[in-house]
């Protein structure tokens, strides 16, 4: 459980860095954020054993 929490903090920090320092159009930045959140949520659900695949 602690490793999941540490990974979430690192991912959040990396997302903050990308959003702050990488110049992108607003649409691409929003798409990146949504895609990253979906991937992280699916990863957390899989790592907790709630998804069968």
C-alpha atoms as a PDB file:
ATOM      1  CA  UNK A   1       0.000   0.000   0.000  1.00  0.00           C
ATOM      2  CA  UNK A   2       2.879   2.344   0.775  1.00  0.00           C
ATOM      3  CA  UNK A   3       4.438   1.722  -2.621  1.00  0.00           C
ATOM      4  CA  UNK A   4       1.167   2.700  -4.330  1.00  0.00           C
ATOM      5  CA  UNK A   5       1.056   5.927  -2.322  1.00  0.00           C
ATOM      6  CA  UNK A   6       4.669   6.759  -3.179  1.00  0.00           C
ATOM      7  CA  UNK A   7       4.009   6.052  -6.861  1.00  0.00           C
ATOM      8  CA  UNK A   8       0.958   8.340  -6.804  1.00  0.00           C
ATOM      9  CA  UNK A   9       3.013  11.153  -5.280  1.00  0.00           C
ATOM     10  CA  UNK A  10       5.741  10.711  -7.918  1.00  0.00           C
ATOM     11  CA  UNK A  11       3.201  10.622 -10.752  1.00  0.00           C
ATOM     12  CA  UNK A  12       1.482  13.729  -9.398  1.00  0.00           C
ATOM     13  CA  UNK A  13       4.816  15.532  -9.179  1.00  0.00           C
ATOM     14  CA  UNK A  14       5.704  14.555 -12.752  1.00  0.00           C
ATOM     15  CA  UNK A  15       2.305  15.748 -13.986  1.00  0.00           C
ATOM     16  CA  UNK A  16       2.850  19.052 -12.189  1.00  0.00           C
ATOM     17  CA  UNK A  17       6.269  19.422 -13.831  1.00  0.00           C
ATOM     18  CA  UNK A  18       4.861  18.745 -17.293  1.00  0.00           C
ATOM     19  CA  UNK A  19       1.947  21.128 -16.781  1.00  0.00           C
ATOM     20  CA  UNK A  20       4.184  23.869 -15.430  1.00  0.00           C
ATOM     21  CA  UNK A  21       7.306  23.717 -17.566  1.00  0.00           C
ATOM     22  CA  UNK A  22       6.385  22.082 -20.886  1.00  0.00           C
ATOM     23  CA  UNK A  23       4.827  24.581 -23.292  1.00  0.00           C
ATOM     24  CA  UNK A  24       1.763  22.928 -24.812  1.00  0.00           C
ATOM     25  CA  UNK A  25      -1.519  24.011 -26.280  1.00  0.00           C
ATOM     26  CA  UNK A  26      -4.373  23.946 -23.770  1.00  0.00           C
ATOM     27  CA  UNK A  27      -6.203  21.137 -25.558  1.00  0.00           C
ATOM     28  CA  UNK A  28      -3.157  18.867 -25.590  1.00  0.00           C
ATOM     29  CA  UNK A  29      -2.459  19.632 -21.947  1.00  0.00           C
ATOM     30  CA  UNK A  30      -6.043  18.762 -21.023  1.00  0.00           C
ATOM     31  CA  UNK A  31      -5.885  15.558 -23.088  1.00  0.00           C
ATOM     32  CA  UNK A  32      -2.592  14.620 -21.415  1.00  0.00           C
ATOM     33  CA  UNK A  33      -4.082  15.187 -17.956  1.00  0.00           C
ATOM     34  CA  UNK A  34      -7.209  13.138 -18.654  1.00  0.00           C
ATOM     35  CA  UNK A  35      -5.213  10.305 -20.200  1.00  0.00           C
ATOM     36  CA  UNK A  36      -2.734  10.255 -17.324  1.00  0.00           C
ATOM     37  CA  UNK A  37      -5.521  10.193 -14.722  1.00  0.00           C
ATOM     38  CA  UNK A  38      -7.339   7.348 -16.488  1.00  0.00           C
ATOM     39  CA  UNK A  39      -4.137   5.309 -16.747  1.00  0.00           C
ATOM     40  CA  UNK A  40      -3.295   5.903 -13.073  1.00  0.00           C
ATOM     41  CA  UNK A  41      -6.806   4.988 -11.909  1.00  0.00           C
ATOM     42  CA  UNK A  42      -6.757   1.756 -13.929  1.00  0.00           C
ATOM     43  CA  UNK A  43      -3.282   0.949 -12.584  1.00  0.00           C
ATOM     44  CA  UNK A  44      -4.374   1.500  -8.971  1.00  0.00           C
ATOM     45  CA  UNK A  45      -7.507  -0.612  -9.435  1.00  0.00           C
ATOM     46  CA  UNK A  46      -5.432  -3.417 -11.010  1.00  0.00           C
ATOM     47  CA  UNK A  47      -2.803  -3.261  -8.298  1.00  0.00           C
ATOM     48  CA  UNK A  48      -5.499  -3.582  -5.633  1.00  0.00           C
ATOM     49  CA  UNK A  49      -6.811  -6.684  -7.404  1.00  0.00           C
ATOM     50  CA  UNK A  50     -10.211  -5.280  -8.315  1.00  0.00           C
ATOM     51  CA  UNK A  51      -9.852  -5.867 -12.071  1.00  0.00           C
ATOM     52  CA  UNK A  52      -9.522  -9.427 -13.354  1.00  0.00           C
ATOM     53  CA  UNK A  53      -7.064  -8.653 -16.181  1.00  0.00           C
END
